[in-house]
């Protein structure tokens, strides 16, 4: 039997980028839709990425439909997205990004753990409105104190834990502010929130129903603020997949305790 010929002399075959794959994401927000890439400390998922997006189907925006979906399922705290395959860095690595939209299907629940696709949000166009935060897990500096990014628009605010190196954890919290608050320009610039004197560990993370005070710093500006948070609700928490450079897929005791182990 003859073997199939290899590439002709002078031909080259291109390998896909190391971060090419299917990059599932957590969805949060009601009035504004935000996506958080579900990361690991290995390719192709070795980056933290937070996006503000608009969702369209057949040329029509689905903002009202998304608000209605959330209102009709008030007890569903976890939504996820399965995008088409692409290199994750194509969403953020250049200015402007190589890719500004992608096709995807939205799920009620965790799509990797029995979530159900939403018919009205199947095979939709997701357009990126803003890159809220993006960083690959290379040459990261570990953080000693518990650190988050403040994300949101208007009165709808969230804290997203900053991920650096294993062992670490991914977490999104819904929050409200009781005192000083940043405006949307500050939020678009990016605000890092440090909870001073609190270890940057999953055990010491901010929990639902806590009232906590953090030190906020607006990115690119010598501007600091004291931020007082209440109405805290944990929307997403993942520890095992960020416990090592290879991850662990069995739920950890902390995930089980917080209701995210199923």
C-alpha atoms as a PDB file:
ATOM      1  CA  UNK A   1       0.000   0.000   0.000  1.00  0.00           C
ATOM      2  CA  UNK A   2       1.377   3.402  -0.952  1.00  0.00           C
ATOM      3  CA  UNK A   3       1.585   6.037   1.776  1.00  0.00           C
ATOM      4  CA  UNK A   4      -0.015   9.417   1.197  1.00  0.00           C
ATOM      5  CA  UNK A   5       2.442  12.040   0.011  1.00  0.00           C
ATOM      6  CA  UNK A   6       3.747  14.627   2.442  1.00  0.00           C
ATOM      7  CA  UNK A   7       3.897  18.333   1.687  1.00  0.00           C
ATOM      8  CA  UNK A   8       5.767  19.317  -1.469  1.00  0.00           C
ATOM      9  CA  UNK A   9       9.181  20.870  -1.100  1.00  0.00           C
ATOM     10  CA  UNK A  10       8.820  24.516  -0.070  1.00  0.00           C
ATOM     11  CA  UNK A  11       5.265  24.068   1.263  1.00  0.00           C
ATOM     12  CA  UNK A  12       4.475  24.976   4.847  1.00  0.00           C
ATOM     13  CA  UNK A  13       1.595  23.834   6.988  1.00  0.00           C
ATOM     14  CA  UNK A  14       0.296  26.316   9.533  1.00  0.00           C
ATOM     15  CA  UNK A  15      -0.386  25.156  13.061  1.00  0.00           C
ATOM     16  CA  UNK A  16      -3.324  26.715  14.932  1.00  0.00           C
ATOM     17  CA  UNK A  17      -2.379  29.160  17.692  1.00  0.00           C
ATOM     18  CA  UNK A  18      -1.739  27.640  21.118  1.00  0.00           C
ATOM     19  CA  UNK A  19      -4.888  29.307  22.472  1.00  0.00           C
ATOM     20  CA  UNK A  20      -7.175  28.079  19.684  1.00  0.00           C
ATOM     21  CA  UNK A  21     -10.162  26.188  21.019  1.00  0.00           C
ATOM     22  CA  UNK A  22     -13.677  26.465  22.394  1.00  0.00           C
ATOM     23  CA  UNK A  23     -13.621  29.051  25.180  1.00  0.00           C
ATOM     24  CA  UNK A  24     -16.704  28.629  27.341  1.00  0.00           C
ATOM     25  CA  UNK A  25     -17.729  31.650  29.386  1.00  0.00           C
ATOM     26  CA  UNK A  26     -19.810  32.628  32.407  1.00  0.00           C
ATOM     27  CA  UNK A  27     -22.561  35.207  31.749  1.00  0.00           C
ATOM     28  CA  UNK A  28     -23.571  37.887  34.250  1.00  0.00           C
ATOM     29  CA  UNK A  29     -25.550  41.116  34.221  1.00  0.00           C
ATOM     30  CA  UNK A  30     -29.185  41.838  33.439  1.00  0.00           C
ATOM     31  CA  UNK A  31     -29.324  45.322  31.877  1.00  0.00           C
ATOM     32  CA  UNK A  32     -25.815  44.931  30.421  1.00  0.00           C
ATOM     33  CA  UNK A  33     -24.393  41.552  29.396  1.00  0.00           C
ATOM     34  CA  UNK A  34     -20.896  40.653  30.608  1.00  0.00           C
ATOM     35  CA  UNK A  35     -18.885  37.515  29.840  1.00  0.00           C
ATOM     36  CA  UNK A  36     -16.076  35.974  31.864  1.00  0.00           C
ATOM     37  CA  UNK A  37     -13.870  33.366  30.162  1.00  0.00           C
ATOM     38  CA  UNK A  38     -13.599  30.146  32.209  1.00  0.00           C
ATOM     39  CA  UNK A  39      -9.812  29.904  32.577  1.00  0.00           C
ATOM     40  CA  UNK A  40      -7.204  27.314  33.491  1.00  0.00           C
ATOM     41  CA  UNK A  41      -3.443  27.558  33.940  1.00  0.00           C
ATOM     42  CA  UNK A  42      -2.704  25.737  30.685  1.00  0.00           C
ATOM     43  CA  UNK A  43      -3.251  26.326  26.970  1.00  0.00           C
ATOM     44  CA  UNK A  44      -5.586  27.045  25.339  1.00  0.00           C
ATOM     45  CA  UNK A  45      -7.396  28.566  28.349  1.00  0.00           C
ATOM     46  CA  UNK A  46      -4.506  30.344  30.104  1.00  0.00           C
ATOM     47  CA  UNK A  47      -5.937  33.862  30.261  1.00  0.00           C
ATOM     48  CA  UNK A  48      -8.459  35.844  32.262  1.00  0.00           C
ATOM     49  CA  UNK A  49     -10.835  37.810  30.054  1.00  0.00           C
ATOM     50  CA  UNK A  50     -13.859  39.942  30.978  1.00  0.00           C
ATOM     51  CA  UNK A  51     -15.995  41.378  28.181  1.00  0.00           C
ATOM     52  CA  UNK A  52     -18.995  43.674  27.872  1.00  0.00           C
ATOM     53  CA  UNK A  53     -21.066  42.476  24.900  1.00  0.00           C
ATOM     54  CA  UNK A  54     -24.231  43.008  22.862  1.00  0.00           C
ATOM     55  CA  UNK A  55     -26.169  39.994  21.620  1.00  0.00           C
ATOM     56  CA  UNK A  56     -27.902  39.897  18.227  1.00  0.00           C
ATOM     57  CA  UNK A  57     -29.926  37.402  16.241  1.00  0.00           C
ATOM     58  CA  UNK A  58     -31.039  37.854  12.623  1.00  0.00           C
ATOM     59  CA  UNK A  59     -29.881  41.479  12.785  1.00  0.00           C
ATOM     60  CA  UNK A  60     -31.900  42.391  15.904  1.00  0.00           C
ATOM     61  CA  UNK A  61     -30.430  43.149  19.326  1.00  0.00           C
ATOM     62  CA  UNK A  62     -31.634  40.865  22.107  1.00  0.00           C
ATOM     63  CA  UNK A  63     -31.200  43.225  25.067  1.00  0.00           C
ATOM     64  CA  UNK A  64     -34.900  43.244  25.975  1.00  0.00           C
ATOM     65  CA  UNK A  65     -35.144  39.491  25.410  1.00  0.00           C
ATOM     66  CA  UNK A  66     -32.190  38.952  27.762  1.00  0.00           C
ATOM     67  CA  UNK A  67     -33.784  41.120  30.468  1.00  0.00           C
ATOM     68  CA  UNK A  68     -37.002  39.132  30.039  1.00  0.00           C
ATOM     69  CA  UNK A  69     -35.106  35.825  30.263  1.00  0.00           C
ATOM     70  CA  UNK A  70     -33.534  36.881  33.552  1.00  0.00           C
ATOM     71  CA  UNK A  71     -36.847  38.162  34.929  1.00  0.00           C
ATOM     72  CA  UNK A  72     -38.605  34.895  34.041  1.00  0.00           C
ATOM     73  CA  UNK A  73     -35.916  32.833  35.821  1.00  0.00           C
ATOM     74  CA  UNK A  74     -35.109  34.890  38.942  1.00  0.00           C
ATOM     75  CA  UNK A  75     -33.638  31.926  40.833  1.00  0.00           C
ATOM     76  CA  UNK A  76     -31.184  30.974  38.070  1.00  0.00           C
ATOM     77  CA  UNK A  77     -27.889  32.508  39.174  1.00  0.00           C
ATOM     78  CA  UNK A  78     -25.650  30.698  36.699  1.00  0.00           C
ATOM     79  CA  UNK A  79     -25.702  31.229  32.912  1.00  0.00           C
ATOM     80  CA  UNK A  80     -22.954  30.120  30.534  1.00  0.00           C
ATOM     81  CA  UNK A  81     -22.021  30.527  26.867  1.00  0.00           C
ATOM     82  CA  UNK A  82     -20.548  28.073  24.369  1.00  0.00           C
ATOM     83  CA  UNK A  83     -18.837  30.026  21.570  1.00  0.00           C
ATOM     84  CA  UNK A  84     -17.542  28.824  18.243  1.00  0.00           C
ATOM     85  CA  UNK A  85     -13.851  27.876  18.210  1.00  0.00           C
ATOM     86  CA  UNK A  86     -11.250  30.639  17.885  1.00  0.00           C
ATOM     87  CA  UNK A  87      -7.943  31.814  19.348  1.00  0.00           C
ATOM     88  CA  UNK A  88      -8.788  33.588  22.605  1.00  0.00           C
ATOM     89  CA  UNK A  89      -6.055  36.188  22.045  1.00  0.00           C
ATOM     90  CA  UNK A  90      -7.829  37.287  18.849  1.00  0.00           C
ATOM     91  CA  UNK A  91     -10.379  39.011  21.121  1.00  0.00           C
ATOM     92  CA  UNK A  92      -7.900  41.202  23.019  1.00  0.00           C
ATOM     93  CA  UNK A  93      -4.212  40.963  22.005  1.00  0.00           C
ATOM     94  CA  UNK A  94      -4.139  43.744  19.389  1.00  0.00           C
ATOM     95  CA  UNK A  95      -5.671  47.217  19.121  1.00  0.00           C
ATOM     96  CA  UNK A  96      -8.109  46.972  17.460  1.00  0.00           C
ATOM     97  CA  UNK A  97      -8.660  43.260  18.153  1.00  0.00           C
ATOM     98  CA  UNK A  98      -8.414  40.792  15.300  1.00  0.00           C
ATOM     99  CA  UNK A  99     -11.915  39.527  16.111  1.00  0.00           C
ATOM    100  CA  UNK A 100     -14.762  41.725  17.381  1.00  0.00           C
ATOM    101  CA  UNK A 101     -17.602  39.164  17.409  1.00  0.00           C
ATOM    102  CA  UNK A 102     -18.326  35.443  17.475  1.00  0.00           C
ATOM    103  CA  UNK A 103     -21.224  32.999  17.213  1.00  0.00           C
ATOM    104  CA  UNK A 104     -22.406  31.345  20.412  1.00  0.00           C
ATOM    105  CA  UNK A 105     -25.210  29.572  22.263  1.00  0.00           C
ATOM    106  CA  UNK A 106     -26.350  30.599  25.758  1.00  0.00           C
ATOM    107  CA  UNK A 107     -27.229  28.046  28.453  1.00  0.00           C
ATOM    108  CA  UNK A 108     -29.223  28.151  31.663  1.00  0.00           C
ATOM    109  CA  UNK A 109     -26.897  26.571  34.194  1.00  0.00           C
ATOM    110  CA  UNK A 110     -23.334  25.386  33.635  1.00  0.00           C
ATOM    111  CA  UNK A 111     -23.070  23.975  30.108  1.00  0.00           C
ATOM    112  CA  UNK A 112     -20.400  21.495  31.253  1.00  0.00           C
ATOM    113  CA  UNK A 113     -22.603  20.277  34.131  1.00  0.00           C
ATOM    114  CA  UNK A 114     -26.051  19.677  32.680  1.00  0.00           C
ATOM    115  CA  UNK A 115     -27.003  23.211  31.598  1.00  0.00           C
ATOM    116  CA  UNK A 116     -29.756  23.606  29.003  1.00  0.00           C
ATOM    117  CA  UNK A 117     -29.449  25.689  25.809  1.00  0.00           C
ATOM    118  CA  UNK A 118     -31.868  28.623  25.577  1.00  0.00           C
ATOM    119  CA  UNK A 119     -33.769  28.405  22.252  1.00  0.00           C
ATOM    120  CA  UNK A 120     -34.000  32.182  21.725  1.00  0.00           C
ATOM    121  CA  UNK A 121     -30.264  32.508  22.415  1.00  0.00           C
ATOM    122  CA  UNK A 122     -28.970  29.668  20.254  1.00  0.00           C
ATOM    123  CA  UNK A 123     -26.520  30.465  17.437  1.00  0.00           C
ATOM    124  CA  UNK A 124     -26.535  34.187  18.197  1.00  0.00           C
ATOM    125  CA  UNK A 125     -24.003  36.859  17.269  1.00  0.00           C
ATOM    126  CA  UNK A 126     -22.032  38.177  20.243  1.00  0.00           C
ATOM    127  CA  UNK A 127     -20.480  41.586  19.570  1.00  0.00           C
ATOM    128  CA  UNK A 128     -17.804  42.925  21.909  1.00  0.00           C
ATOM    129  CA  UNK A 129     -18.602  46.414  23.210  1.00  0.00           C
ATOM    130  CA  UNK A 130     -15.686  46.704  25.629  1.00  0.00           C
ATOM    131  CA  UNK A 131     -12.696  44.659  26.801  1.00  0.00           C
ATOM    132  CA  UNK A 132     -13.155  45.114  30.536  1.00  0.00           C
ATOM    133  CA  UNK A 133     -10.060  43.168  31.595  1.00  0.00           C
ATOM    134  CA  UNK A 134      -7.614  40.867  29.792  1.00  0.00           C
ATOM    135  CA  UNK A 135      -4.390  39.212  30.901  1.00  0.00           C
ATOM    136  CA  UNK A 136      -2.550  36.014  30.039  1.00  0.00           C
ATOM    137  CA  UNK A 137      -1.137  33.917  32.855  1.00  0.00           C
ATOM    138  CA  UNK A 138       2.493  34.418  31.822  1.00  0.00           C
ATOM    139  CA  UNK A 139       4.965  36.324  33.982  1.00  0.00           C
ATOM    140  CA  UNK A 140       2.239  36.989  36.542  1.00  0.00           C
ATOM    141  CA  UNK A 141       3.124  38.512  39.897  1.00  0.00           C
ATOM    142  CA  UNK A 142       1.334  36.771  42.778  1.00  0.00           C
ATOM    143  CA  UNK A 143      -0.908  38.944  44.932  1.00  0.00           C
ATOM    144  CA  UNK A 144      -0.592  38.778  48.710  1.00  0.00           C
ATOM    145  CA  UNK A 145      -3.830  40.634  49.452  1.00  0.00           C
ATOM    146  CA  UNK A 146      -7.308  39.767  48.214  1.00  0.00           C
ATOM    147  CA  UNK A 147      -7.783  41.646  44.917  1.00  0.00           C
ATOM    148  CA  UNK A 148     -10.733  42.129  42.559  1.00  0.00           C
ATOM    149  CA  UNK A 149     -11.781  44.206  39.557  1.00  0.00           C
ATOM    150  CA  UNK A 150     -14.932  46.288  39.903  1.00  0.00           C
ATOM    151  CA  UNK A 151     -17.119  45.708  36.836  1.00  0.00           C
ATOM    152  CA  UNK A 152     -20.473  47.114  35.799  1.00  0.00           C
ATOM    153  CA  UNK A 153     -22.579  49.932  34.414  1.00  0.00           C
ATOM    154  CA  UNK A 154     -24.885  52.254  36.343  1.00  0.00           C
ATOM    155  CA  UNK A 155     -26.233  50.638  39.490  1.00  0.00           C
ATOM    156  CA  UNK A 156     -25.423  47.088  38.357  1.00  0.00           C
ATOM    157  CA  UNK A 157     -22.016  46.292  39.834  1.00  0.00           C
ATOM    158  CA  UNK A 158     -19.853  43.198  40.226  1.00  0.00           C
ATOM    159  CA  UNK A 159     -16.516  42.142  41.685  1.00  0.00           C
ATOM    160  CA  UNK A 160     -14.372  39.743  39.625  1.00  0.00           C
ATOM    161  CA  UNK A 161     -11.447  38.137  41.438  1.00  0.00           C
ATOM    162  CA  UNK A 162      -8.047  38.802  39.810  1.00  0.00           C
ATOM    163  CA  UNK A 163      -6.365  35.494  38.906  1.00  0.00           C
ATOM    164  CA  UNK A 164      -2.563  35.218  38.861  1.00  0.00           C
ATOM    165  CA  UNK A 165      -0.942  31.813  39.477  1.00  0.00           C
ATOM    166  CA  UNK A 166      -1.848  28.422  40.992  1.00  0.00           C
ATOM    167  CA  UNK A 167      -3.343  27.766  43.427  1.00  0.00           C
ATOM    168  CA  UNK A 168      -5.995  30.404  42.767  1.00  0.00           C
ATOM    169  CA  UNK A 169      -9.732  30.750  42.200  1.00  0.00           C
ATOM    170  CA  UNK A 170     -12.281  32.318  39.849  1.00  0.00           C
ATOM    171  CA  UNK A 171     -15.181  34.245  41.394  1.00  0.00           C
ATOM    172  CA  UNK A 172     -17.854  36.751  40.346  1.00  0.00           C
ATOM    173  CA  UNK A 173     -19.896  38.625  42.964  1.00  0.00           C
ATOM    174  CA  UNK A 174     -22.906  40.903  42.567  1.00  0.00           C
ATOM    175  CA  UNK A 175     -22.494  43.932  44.867  1.00  0.00           C
ATOM    176  CA  UNK A 176     -23.923  47.322  45.788  1.00  0.00           C
ATOM    177  CA  UNK A 177     -22.101  50.405  47.088  1.00  0.00           C
ATOM    178  CA  UNK A 178     -23.299  52.346  50.123  1.00  0.00           C
ATOM    179  CA  UNK A 179     -20.981  55.361  50.054  1.00  0.00           C
ATOM    180  CA  UNK A 180     -18.563  56.815  47.499  1.00  0.00           C
ATOM    181  CA  UNK A 181     -19.024  55.294  44.065  1.00  0.00           C
ATOM    182  CA  UNK A 182     -17.181  55.555  40.742  1.00  0.00           C
ATOM    183  CA  UNK A 183     -18.873  56.759  37.572  1.00  0.00           C
ATOM    184  CA  UNK A 184     -19.052  54.818  34.304  1.00  0.00           C
ATOM    185  CA  UNK A 185     -15.890  56.515  32.998  1.00  0.00           C
ATOM    186  CA  UNK A 186     -13.978  55.195  36.015  1.00  0.00           C
ATOM    187  CA  UNK A 187     -15.440  51.733  35.448  1.00  0.00           C
ATOM    188  CA  UNK A 188     -14.408  51.767  31.793  1.00  0.00           C
ATOM    189  CA  UNK A 189     -10.882  52.829  32.758  1.00  0.00           C
ATOM    190  CA  UNK A 190     -10.769  49.887  35.163  1.00  0.00           C
ATOM    191  CA  UNK A 191     -10.851  49.810  38.959  1.00  0.00           C
ATOM    192  CA  UNK A 192      -8.758  47.462  41.058  1.00  0.00           C
ATOM    193  CA  UNK A 193     -10.128  46.806  44.554  1.00  0.00           C
ATOM    194  CA  UNK A 194      -7.838  45.514  47.301  1.00  0.00           C
ATOM    195  CA  UNK A 195      -9.121  44.216  50.628  1.00  0.00           C
ATOM    196  CA  UNK A 196      -6.121  45.124  52.748  1.00  0.00           C
ATOM    197  CA  UNK A 197      -4.963  42.653  55.364  1.00  0.00           C
ATOM    198  CA  UNK A 198      -7.023  39.838  53.840  1.00  0.00           C
ATOM    199  CA  UNK A 199      -5.173  36.889  52.287  1.00  0.00           C
ATOM    200  CA  UNK A 200      -5.617  36.292  48.558  1.00  0.00           C
ATOM    201  CA  UNK A 201      -7.011  32.780  49.014  1.00  0.00           C
ATOM    202  CA  UNK A 202     -10.274  30.989  48.296  1.00  0.00           C
ATOM    203  CA  UNK A 203     -10.839  30.502  52.020  1.00  0.00           C
ATOM    204  CA  UNK A 204     -10.526  34.256  52.657  1.00  0.00           C
ATOM    205  CA  UNK A 205     -12.566  35.360  49.613  1.00  0.00           C
ATOM    206  CA  UNK A 206     -15.501  37.750  49.936  1.00  0.00           C
ATOM    207  CA  UNK A 207     -18.654  35.756  50.674  1.00  0.00           C
ATOM    208  CA  UNK A 208     -22.373  36.266  50.108  1.00  0.00           C
ATOM    209  CA  UNK A 209     -24.092  38.606  52.599  1.00  0.00           C
ATOM    210  CA  UNK A 210     -20.793  40.145  53.798  1.00  0.00           C
ATOM    211  CA  UNK A 211     -20.395  43.882  54.240  1.00  0.00           C
ATOM    212  CA  UNK A 212     -16.822  44.742  53.287  1.00  0.00           C
ATOM    213  CA  UNK A 213     -14.683  47.801  52.630  1.00  0.00           C
ATOM    214  CA  UNK A 214     -11.978  47.874  49.967  1.00  0.00           C
ATOM    215  CA  UNK A 215      -9.441  50.318  48.564  1.00  0.00           C
ATOM    216  CA  UNK A 216     -10.180  51.185  44.944  1.00  0.00           C
ATOM    217  CA  UNK A 217      -7.622  52.434  42.424  1.00  0.00           C
ATOM    218  CA  UNK A 218      -8.627  53.791  39.011  1.00  0.00           C
ATOM    219  CA  UNK A 219      -6.319  52.374  36.327  1.00  0.00           C
ATOM    220  CA  UNK A 220      -4.008  54.971  34.777  1.00  0.00           C
ATOM    221  CA  UNK A 221      -4.835  57.654  37.334  1.00  0.00           C
ATOM    222  CA  UNK A 222      -3.506  58.633  40.734  1.00  0.00           C
ATOM    223  CA  UNK A 223      -6.996  58.311  42.129  1.00  0.00           C
ATOM    224  CA  UNK A 224      -7.950  56.172  45.109  1.00  0.00           C
ATOM    225  CA  UNK A 225     -11.301  55.711  46.817  1.00  0.00           C
ATOM    226  CA  UNK A 226     -12.756  53.904  49.772  1.00  0.00           C
ATOM    227  CA  UNK A 227     -15.486  51.544  48.539  1.00  0.00           C
ATOM    228  CA  UNK A 228     -18.073  50.139  50.941  1.00  0.00           C
ATOM    229  CA  UNK A 229     -19.874  47.049  49.623  1.00  0.00           C
ATOM    230  CA  UNK A 230     -23.080  45.384  50.751  1.00  0.00           C
ATOM    231  CA  UNK A 231     -25.836  43.255  49.163  1.00  0.00           C
ATOM    232  CA  UNK A 232     -23.037  40.854  48.223  1.00  0.00           C
ATOM    233  CA  UNK A 233     -24.099  37.714  46.358  1.00  0.00           C
ATOM    234  CA  UNK A 234     -21.717  35.062  45.012  1.00  0.00           C
ATOM    235  CA  UNK A 235     -22.725  34.347  41.392  1.00  0.00           C
ATOM    236  CA  UNK A 236     -19.856  32.076  40.374  1.00  0.00           C
ATOM    237  CA  UNK A 237     -17.003  30.298  42.154  1.00  0.00           C
ATOM    238  CA  UNK A 238     -14.451  27.817  40.790  1.00  0.00           C
ATOM    239  CA  UNK A 239     -11.402  26.599  42.693  1.00  0.00           C
ATOM    240  CA  UNK A 240     -10.448  23.114  41.463  1.00  0.00           C
ATOM    241  CA  UNK A 241      -9.657  23.987  37.853  1.00  0.00           C
ATOM    242  CA  UNK A 242      -7.229  26.676  39.070  1.00  0.00           C
ATOM    243  CA  UNK A 243      -5.663  24.663  41.886  1.00  0.00           C
ATOM    244  CA  UNK A 244      -2.646  23.559  39.821  1.00  0.00           C
ATOM    245  CA  UNK A 245      -1.156  24.129  36.369  1.00  0.00           C
ATOM    246  CA  UNK A 246      -3.193  21.137  35.148  1.00  0.00           C
ATOM    247  CA  UNK A 247      -6.339  21.723  37.170  1.00  0.00           C
ATOM    248  CA  UNK A 248      -8.611  19.320  39.023  1.00  0.00           C
ATOM    249  CA  UNK A 249     -12.134  18.552  37.867  1.00  0.00           C
ATOM    250  CA  UNK A 250     -13.622  17.089  41.046  1.00  0.00           C
ATOM    251  CA  UNK A 251     -15.448  19.675  43.187  1.00  0.00           C
ATOM    252  CA  UNK A 252     -13.461  20.976  46.139  1.00  0.00           C
ATOM    253  CA  UNK A 253     -14.959  21.188  49.646  1.00  0.00           C
ATOM    254  CA  UNK A 254     -15.268  24.973  49.269  1.00  0.00           C
ATOM    255  CA  UNK A 255     -17.142  24.589  45.960  1.00  0.00           C
ATOM    256  CA  UNK A 256     -19.515  22.092  47.525  1.00  0.00           C
ATOM    257  CA  UNK A 257     -20.042  24.327  50.560  1.00  0.00           C
ATOM    258  CA  UNK A 258     -20.913  27.308  48.342  1.00  0.00           C
ATOM    259  CA  UNK A 259     -23.310  25.325  46.112  1.00  0.00           C
ATOM    260  CA  UNK A 260     -21.074  25.235  43.019  1.00  0.00           C
ATOM    261  CA  UNK A 261     -19.945  21.620  43.335  1.00  0.00           C
ATOM    262  CA  UNK A 262     -22.667  20.060  41.165  1.00  0.00           C
END
